[in-house]
Amino acid sequence: IDGYQEKFRRSVYFITSEGTVMLSGSKQ
């Protein structure tokens, strides 16, 4: 995730179907 965020300048994160952020490289 961190590599793609740095390379493409976009946020990448994973959420569950309930909306909980499980894994993220985004400060937001």
PDB file of all heavy atoms in Angstrom:
ATOM      1  N   ILE A   1       0.834  -1.202   0.000  1.00  0.00           N
ATOM      2  CA  ILE A   1       0.000   0.000   0.000  1.00  0.00           C
ATOM      3  C   ILE A   1       0.869   1.253   0.000  1.00  0.00           C
ATOM      4  O   ILE A   1       0.663   2.186  -0.776  1.00  0.00           O
ATOM      5  CB  ILE A   1      -0.941   0.000   1.219  1.00  0.00           C
ATOM      6  CG1 ILE A   1      -2.012  -1.089   1.057  1.00  0.00           C
ATOM      7  CG2 ILE A   1      -1.595   1.358   1.406  1.00  0.00           C
ATOM      8  CD1 ILE A   1      -2.893  -1.247   2.256  1.00  0.00           C
ATOM      9  N   ASP A   2       1.857   1.296   0.888  1.00  0.00           N
ATOM     10  CA  ASP A   2       2.726   2.473   0.972  1.00  0.00           C
ATOM     11  C   ASP A   2       3.451   2.708  -0.340  1.00  0.00           C
ATOM     12  O   ASP A   2       3.618   3.864  -0.771  1.00  0.00           O
ATOM     13  CB  ASP A   2       3.747   2.285   2.108  1.00  0.00           C
ATOM     14  CG  ASP A   2       3.092   2.284   3.482  1.00  0.00           C
ATOM     15  OD1 ASP A   2       1.958   2.798   3.577  1.00  0.00           O
ATOM     16  OD2 ASP A   2       3.690   1.771   4.437  1.00  0.00           O
ATOM     17  N   GLY A   3       3.895   1.634  -0.984  1.00  0.00           N
ATOM     18  CA  GLY A   3       4.590   1.769  -2.259  1.00  0.00           C
ATOM     19  C   GLY A   3       3.704   2.362  -3.330  1.00  0.00           C
ATOM     20  O   GLY A   3       4.122   3.246  -4.095  1.00  0.00           O
ATOM     21  N   TYR A   4       2.449   1.894  -3.414  1.00  0.00           N
ATOM     22  CA  TYR A   4       1.536   2.421  -4.428  1.00  0.00           C
ATOM     23  C   TYR A   4       1.144   3.865  -4.132  1.00  0.00           C
ATOM     24  O   TYR A   4       0.997   4.680  -5.043  1.00  0.00           O
ATOM     25  CB  TYR A   4       0.285   1.547  -4.517  1.00  0.00           C
ATOM     26  CG  TYR A   4       0.438   0.435  -5.524  1.00  0.00           C
ATOM     27  CD1 TYR A   4       0.829  -0.835  -5.142  1.00  0.00           C
ATOM     28  CD2 TYR A   4       0.224   0.670  -6.874  1.00  0.00           C
ATOM     29  CE1 TYR A   4       0.986  -1.851  -6.068  1.00  0.00           C
ATOM     30  CE2 TYR A   4       0.373  -0.326  -7.811  1.00  0.00           C
ATOM     31  CZ  TYR A   4       0.754  -1.593  -7.400  1.00  0.00           C
ATOM     32  OH  TYR A   4       0.919  -2.579  -8.332  1.00  0.00           O
ATOM     33  N   GLN A   5       0.990   4.197  -2.855  1.00  0.00           N
ATOM     34  CA  GLN A   5       0.644   5.573  -2.520  1.00  0.00           C
ATOM     35  C   GLN A   5       1.763   6.527  -2.914  1.00  0.00           C
ATOM     36  O   GLN A   5       1.513   7.616  -3.441  1.00  0.00           O
ATOM     37  CB  GLN A   5       0.344   5.696  -1.023  1.00  0.00           C
ATOM     38  CG  GLN A   5      -0.959   5.042  -0.632  1.00  0.00           C
ATOM     39  CD  GLN A   5      -1.440   5.483   0.737  1.00  0.00           C
ATOM     40  OE1 GLN A   5      -2.611   5.376   1.050  1.00  0.00           O
ATOM     41  NE2 GLN A   5      -0.552   5.960   1.575  1.00  0.00           N
ATOM     42  N   GLU A   6       2.987   6.123  -2.644  1.00  0.00           N
ATOM     43  CA  GLU A   6       4.120   6.986  -2.980  1.00  0.00           C
ATOM     44  C   GLU A   6       4.302   7.089  -4.494  1.00  0.00           C
ATOM     45  O   GLU A   6       4.606   8.156  -5.024  1.00  0.00           O
ATOM     46  CB  GLU A   6       5.393   6.435  -2.331  1.00  0.00           C
ATOM     47  CG  GLU A   6       6.625   7.276  -2.593  1.00  0.00           C
ATOM     48  CD  GLU A   6       7.847   6.726  -1.891  1.00  0.00           C
ATOM     49  OE1 GLU A   6       7.717   5.777  -1.086  1.00  0.00           O
ATOM     50  OE2 GLU A   6       8.937   7.249  -2.145  1.00  0.00           O
ATOM     51  N   LYS A   7       4.104   5.987  -5.192  1.00  0.00           N
ATOM     52  CA  LYS A   7       4.341   5.964  -6.637  1.00  0.00           C
ATOM     53  C   LYS A   7       3.257   6.699  -7.406  1.00  0.00           C
ATOM     54  O   LYS A   7       3.550   7.466  -8.328  1.00  0.00           O
ATOM     55  CB  LYS A   7       4.430   4.510  -7.107  1.00  0.00           C
ATOM     56  CG  LYS A   7       4.725   4.357  -8.598  1.00  0.00           C
ATOM     57  CD  LYS A   7       4.885   2.883  -8.963  1.00  0.00           C
ATOM     58  CE  LYS A   7       5.199   2.712 -10.446  1.00  0.00           C
ATOM     59  NZ  LYS A   7       5.338   1.288 -10.820  1.00  0.00           N
ATOM     60  N   PHE A   8       1.994   6.478  -7.039  1.00  0.00           N
ATOM     61  CA  PHE A   8       0.891   7.011  -7.829  1.00  0.00           C
ATOM     62  C   PHE A   8       0.189   8.195  -7.169  1.00  0.00           C
ATOM     63  O   PHE A   8      -0.738   8.756  -7.731  1.00  0.00           O
ATOM     64  CB  PHE A   8      -0.144   5.912  -8.100  1.00  0.00           C
ATOM     65  CG  PHE A   8       0.392   4.776  -8.930  1.00  0.00           C
ATOM     66  CD1 PHE A   8       0.684   3.551  -8.351  1.00  0.00           C
ATOM     67  CD2 PHE A   8       0.627   4.949 -10.273  1.00  0.00           C
ATOM     68  CE1 PHE A   8       1.189   2.494  -9.111  1.00  0.00           C
ATOM     69  CE2 PHE A   8       1.121   3.916 -11.048  1.00  0.00           C
ATOM     70  CZ  PHE A   8       1.404   2.691 -10.464  1.00  0.00           C
ATOM     71  N   ARG A   9       0.609   8.567  -5.948  1.00  0.00           N
ATOM     72  CA  ARG A   9       0.030   9.702  -5.230  1.00  0.00           C
ATOM     73  C   ARG A   9      -1.483   9.569  -5.082  1.00  0.00           C
ATOM     74  O   ARG A   9      -2.250  10.457  -5.463  1.00  0.00           O
ATOM     75  CB  ARG A   9       0.383  11.015  -5.941  1.00  0.00           C
ATOM     76  CG  ARG A   9       1.871  11.323  -5.920  1.00  0.00           C
ATOM     77  CD  ARG A   9       2.167  12.657  -6.538  1.00  0.00           C
ATOM     78  NE  ARG A   9       3.585  12.961  -6.501  1.00  0.00           N
ATOM     79  CZ  ARG A   9       4.140  14.065  -6.982  1.00  0.00           C
ATOM     80  NH1 ARG A   9       3.370  14.980  -7.540  1.00  0.00           N
ATOM     81  NH2 ARG A   9       5.439  14.261  -6.919  1.00  0.00           N
ATOM     82  N   ARG A  10      -1.881   8.441  -4.571  1.00  0.00           N
ATOM     83  CA  ARG A  10      -3.287   8.218  -4.276  1.00  0.00           C
ATOM     84  C   ARG A  10      -3.398   7.369  -3.020  1.00  0.00           C
ATOM     85  O   ARG A  10      -2.466   6.656  -2.669  1.00  0.00           O
ATOM     86  CB  ARG A  10      -3.986   7.548  -5.461  1.00  0.00           C
ATOM     87  CG  ARG A  10      -3.432   6.212  -5.864  1.00  0.00           C
ATOM     88  CD  ARG A  10      -3.720   5.897  -7.307  1.00  0.00           C
ATOM     89  NE  ARG A  10      -3.103   6.856  -8.197  1.00  0.00           N
ATOM     90  CZ  ARG A  10      -3.039   6.718  -9.502  1.00  0.00           C
ATOM     91  NH1 ARG A  10      -3.579   5.669 -10.083  1.00  0.00           N
ATOM     92  NH2 ARG A  10      -2.458   7.622 -10.257  1.00  0.00           N
ATOM     93  N   SER A  11      -4.528   7.446  -2.336  1.00  0.00           N
ATOM     94  CA  SER A  11      -4.726   6.715  -1.087  1.00  0.00           C
ATOM     95  C   SER A  11      -5.233   5.313  -1.382  1.00  0.00           C
ATOM     96  O   SER A  11      -6.086   5.116  -2.256  1.00  0.00           O
ATOM     97  CB  SER A  11      -5.734   7.454  -0.197  1.00  0.00           C
ATOM     98  OG  SER A  11      -5.244   8.734   0.150  1.00  0.00           O
ATOM     99  N   VAL A  12      -4.701   4.339  -0.645  1.00  0.00           N
ATOM    100  CA  VAL A  12      -5.122   2.942  -0.780  1.00  0.00           C
ATOM    101  C   VAL A  12      -5.444   2.427   0.619  1.00  0.00           C
ATOM    102  O   VAL A  12      -4.627   2.543   1.527  1.00  0.00           O
ATOM    103  CB  VAL A  12      -4.023   2.075  -1.422  1.00  0.00           C
ATOM    104  CG1 VAL A  12      -4.492   0.633  -1.553  1.00  0.00           C
ATOM    105  CG2 VAL A  12      -3.623   2.623  -2.788  1.00  0.00           C
ATOM    106  N   TYR A  13      -6.650   1.874   0.788  1.00  0.00           N
ATOM    107  CA  TYR A  13      -7.018   1.323   2.093  1.00  0.00           C
ATOM    108  C   TYR A  13      -8.070   0.234   1.908  1.00  0.00           C
ATOM    109  O   TYR A  13      -8.661   0.089   0.835  1.00  0.00           O
ATOM    110  CB  TYR A  13      -7.514   2.414   3.043  1.00  0.00           C
ATOM    111  CG  TYR A  13      -8.623   3.289   2.508  1.00  0.00           C
ATOM    112  CD1 TYR A  13      -9.954   3.065   2.864  1.00  0.00           C
ATOM    113  CD2 TYR A  13      -8.344   4.363   1.669  1.00  0.00           C
ATOM    114  CE1 TYR A  13     -10.964   3.872   2.391  1.00  0.00           C
ATOM    115  CE2 TYR A  13      -9.355   5.176   1.183  1.00  0.00           C
ATOM    116  CZ  TYR A  13     -10.661   4.925   1.550  1.00  0.00           C
ATOM    117  OH  TYR A  13     -11.676   5.727   1.076  1.00  0.00           O
ATOM    118  N   PHE A  14      -8.271  -0.571   2.971  1.00  0.00           N
ATOM    119  CA  PHE A  14      -9.211  -1.685   2.941  1.00  0.00           C
ATOM    120  C   PHE A  14     -10.262  -1.476   4.032  1.00  0.00           C
ATOM    121  O   PHE A  14      -9.929  -1.066   5.153  1.00  0.00           O
ATOM    122  CB  PHE A  14      -8.490  -3.014   3.199  1.00  0.00           C
ATOM    123  CG  PHE A  14      -7.514  -3.401   2.126  1.00  0.00           C
ATOM    124  CD1 PHE A  14      -6.214  -2.919   2.135  1.00  0.00           C
ATOM    125  CD2 PHE A  14      -7.876  -4.264   1.106  1.00  0.00           C
ATOM    126  CE1 PHE A  14      -5.305  -3.279   1.161  1.00  0.00           C
ATOM    127  CE2 PHE A  14      -6.974  -4.633   0.119  1.00  0.00           C
ATOM    128  CZ  PHE A  14      -5.684  -4.137   0.143  1.00  0.00           C
ATOM    129  N   ILE A  15     -11.522  -1.770   3.692  1.00  0.00           N
ATOM    130  CA  ILE A  15     -12.585  -1.672   4.685  1.00  0.00           C
ATOM    131  C   ILE A  15     -13.396  -2.962   4.679  1.00  0.00           C
ATOM    132  O   ILE A  15     -13.402  -3.711   3.695  1.00  0.00           O
ATOM    133  CB  ILE A  15     -13.521  -0.472   4.414  1.00  0.00           C
ATOM    134  CG1 ILE A  15     -14.279  -0.657   3.088  1.00  0.00           C
ATOM    135  CG2 ILE A  15     -12.754   0.836   4.423  1.00  0.00           C
ATOM    136  CD1 ILE A  15     -15.363   0.385   2.853  1.00  0.00           C
ATOM    137  N   THR A  16     -14.068  -3.210   5.789  1.00  0.00           N
ATOM    138  CA  THR A  16     -14.988  -4.342   5.869  1.00  0.00           C
ATOM    139  C   THR A  16     -16.342  -3.913   5.314  1.00  0.00           C
ATOM    140  O   THR A  16     -16.577  -2.735   5.020  1.00  0.00           O
ATOM    141  CB  THR A  16     -15.149  -4.802   7.322  1.00  0.00           C
ATOM    142  OG1 THR A  16     -15.750  -3.730   8.083  1.00  0.00           O
ATOM    143  CG2 THR A  16     -13.796  -5.152   7.933  1.00  0.00           C
ATOM    144  N   SER A  17     -17.241  -4.873   5.204  1.00  0.00           N
ATOM    145  CA  SER A  17     -18.577  -4.543   4.700  1.00  0.00           C
ATOM    146  C   SER A  17     -19.327  -3.640   5.675  1.00  0.00           C
ATOM    147  O   SER A  17     -20.282  -2.963   5.290  1.00  0.00           O
ATOM    148  CB  SER A  17     -19.377  -5.827   4.462  1.00  0.00           C
ATOM    149  OG  SER A  17     -19.442  -6.604   5.645  1.00  0.00           O
ATOM    150  N   GLU A  18     -18.869  -3.620   6.952  1.00  0.00           N
ATOM    151  CA  GLU A  18     -19.503  -2.744   7.932  1.00  0.00           C
ATOM    152  C   GLU A  18     -18.913  -1.331   7.911  1.00  0.00           C
ATOM    153  O   GLU A  18     -19.429  -0.426   8.571  1.00  0.00           O
ATOM    154  CB  GLU A  18     -19.356  -3.318   9.346  1.00  0.00           C
ATOM    155  CG  GLU A  18     -20.137  -4.605   9.595  1.00  0.00           C
ATOM    156  CD  GLU A  18     -19.443  -5.817   8.979  1.00  0.00           C
ATOM    157  OE1 GLU A  18     -18.199  -5.755   8.802  1.00  0.00           O
ATOM    158  OE2 GLU A  18     -20.135  -6.805   8.662  1.00  0.00           O
ATOM    159  N   GLY A  19     -17.797  -1.147   7.184  1.00  0.00           N
ATOM    160  CA  GLY A  19     -17.204   0.186   7.078  1.00  0.00           C
ATOM    161  C   GLY A  19     -16.003   0.431   7.952  1.00  0.00           C
ATOM    162  O   GLY A  19     -15.502   1.553   8.007  1.00  0.00           O
ATOM    163  N   THR A  20     -15.501  -0.609   8.637  1.00  0.00           N
ATOM    164  CA  THR A  20     -14.304  -0.443   9.464  1.00  0.00           C
ATOM    165  C   THR A  20     -13.056  -0.479   8.593  1.00  0.00           C
ATOM    166  O   THR A  20     -12.921  -1.352   7.743  1.00  0.00           O
ATOM    167  CB  THR A  20     -14.215  -1.546  10.526  1.00  0.00           C
ATOM    168  OG1 THR A  20     -15.400  -1.515  11.338  1.00  0.00           O
ATOM    169  CG2 THR A  20     -12.987  -1.359  11.416  1.00  0.00           C
ATOM    170  N   VAL A  21     -12.174   0.480   8.793  1.00  0.00           N
ATOM    171  CA  VAL A  21     -10.914   0.520   8.044  1.00  0.00           C
ATOM    172  C   VAL A  21      -9.958  -0.489   8.674  1.00  0.00           C
ATOM    173  O   VAL A  21      -9.530  -0.333   9.812  1.00  0.00           O
ATOM    174  CB  VAL A  21     -10.295   1.934   8.066  1.00  0.00           C
ATOM    175  CG1 VAL A  21      -8.978   1.955   7.296  1.00  0.00           C
ATOM    176  CG2 VAL A  21     -11.261   2.953   7.477  1.00  0.00           C
ATOM    177  N   MET A  22      -9.624  -1.542   7.920  1.00  0.00           N
ATOM    178  CA  MET A  22      -8.779  -2.614   8.448  1.00  0.00           C
ATOM    179  C   MET A  22      -7.302  -2.354   8.218  1.00  0.00           C
ATOM    180  O   MET A  22      -6.464  -2.684   9.058  1.00  0.00           O
ATOM    181  CB  MET A  22      -9.175  -3.947   7.799  1.00  0.00           C
ATOM    182  CG  MET A  22     -10.603  -4.360   8.073  1.00  0.00           C
ATOM    183  SD  MET A  22     -10.951  -4.540   9.843  1.00  0.00           S
ATOM    184  CE  MET A  22      -9.871  -5.924  10.254  1.00  0.00           C
ATOM    185  N   LEU A  23      -6.967  -1.805   7.081  1.00  0.00           N
ATOM    186  CA  LEU A  23      -5.565  -1.611   6.726  1.00  0.00           C
ATOM    187  C   LEU A  23      -5.479  -0.381   5.840  1.00  0.00           C
ATOM    188  O   LEU A  23      -6.263  -0.236   4.902  1.00  0.00           O
ATOM    189  CB  LEU A  23      -5.031  -2.839   5.981  1.00  0.00           C
ATOM    190  CG  LEU A  23      -3.524  -2.946   5.752  1.00  0.00           C
ATOM    191  CD1 LEU A  23      -2.784  -2.982   7.078  1.00  0.00           C
ATOM    192  CD2 LEU A  23      -3.200  -4.198   4.951  1.00  0.00           C
ATOM    193  N   SER A  24      -4.529   0.510   6.150  1.00  0.00           N
ATOM    194  CA  SER A  24      -4.487   1.766   5.410  1.00  0.00           C
ATOM    195  C   SER A  24      -3.091   2.365   5.463  1.00  0.00           C
ATOM    196  O   SER A  24      -2.373   2.213   6.454  1.00  0.00           O
ATOM    197  CB  SER A  24      -5.508   2.755   5.998  1.00  0.00           C
ATOM    198  OG  SER A  24      -5.359   4.028   5.412  1.00  0.00           O
ATOM    199  N   GLY A  25      -2.742   3.053   4.385  1.00  0.00           N
ATOM    200  CA  GLY A  25      -1.525   3.857   4.369  1.00  0.00           C
ATOM    201  C   GLY A  25      -1.872   5.330   4.322  1.00  0.00           C
ATOM    202  O   GLY A  25      -1.009   6.173   4.151  1.00  0.00           O
ATOM    203  N   SER A  26      -3.156   5.650   4.450  1.00  0.00           N
ATOM    204  CA  SER A  26      -3.632   7.018   4.317  1.00  0.00           C
ATOM    205  C   SER A  26      -3.752   7.674   5.684  1.00  0.00           C
ATOM    206  O   SER A  26      -4.232   7.062   6.646  1.00  0.00           O
ATOM    207  CB  SER A  26      -4.997   7.028   3.613  1.00  0.00           C
ATOM    208  OG  SER A  26      -5.598   8.298   3.700  1.00  0.00           O
ATOM    209  N   LYS A  27      -3.315   8.933   5.785  1.00  0.00           N
ATOM    210  CA  LYS A  27      -3.464   9.681   7.034  1.00  0.00           C
ATOM    211  C   LYS A  27      -4.922  10.049   7.278  1.00  0.00           C
ATOM    212  O   LYS A  27      -5.332  10.266   8.410  1.00  0.00           O
ATOM    213  CB  LYS A  27      -2.605  10.948   6.982  1.00  0.00           C
ATOM    214  CG  LYS A  27      -1.112  10.666   6.923  1.00  0.00           C
ATOM    215  CD  LYS A  27      -0.323  11.959   6.885  1.00  0.00           C
ATOM    216  CE  LYS A  27       1.174  11.668   6.825  1.00  0.00           C
ATOM    217  NZ  LYS A  27       1.976  12.911   6.743  1.00  0.00           N
ATOM    218  N   GLN A  28      -5.699  10.122   6.221  1.00  0.00           N
ATOM    219  CA  GLN A  28      -7.111  10.470   6.353  1.00  0.00           C
ATOM    220  C   GLN A  28      -7.931   9.287   6.848  1.00  0.00           C
ATOM    221  O   GLN A  28      -8.852   9.448   7.646  1.00  0.00           O
ATOM    222  CB  GLN A  28      -7.642  10.951   5.011  1.00  0.00           C
ATOM    223  CG  GLN A  28      -9.126  11.284   5.013  1.00  0.00           C
ATOM    224  CD  GLN A  28      -9.615  11.641   3.629  1.00  0.00           C
ATOM    225  OE1 GLN A  28      -8.849  12.082   2.778  1.00  0.00           O
ATOM    226  NE2 GLN A  28     -10.900  11.440   3.386  1.00  0.00           N
TER     227      GLN A  28
END
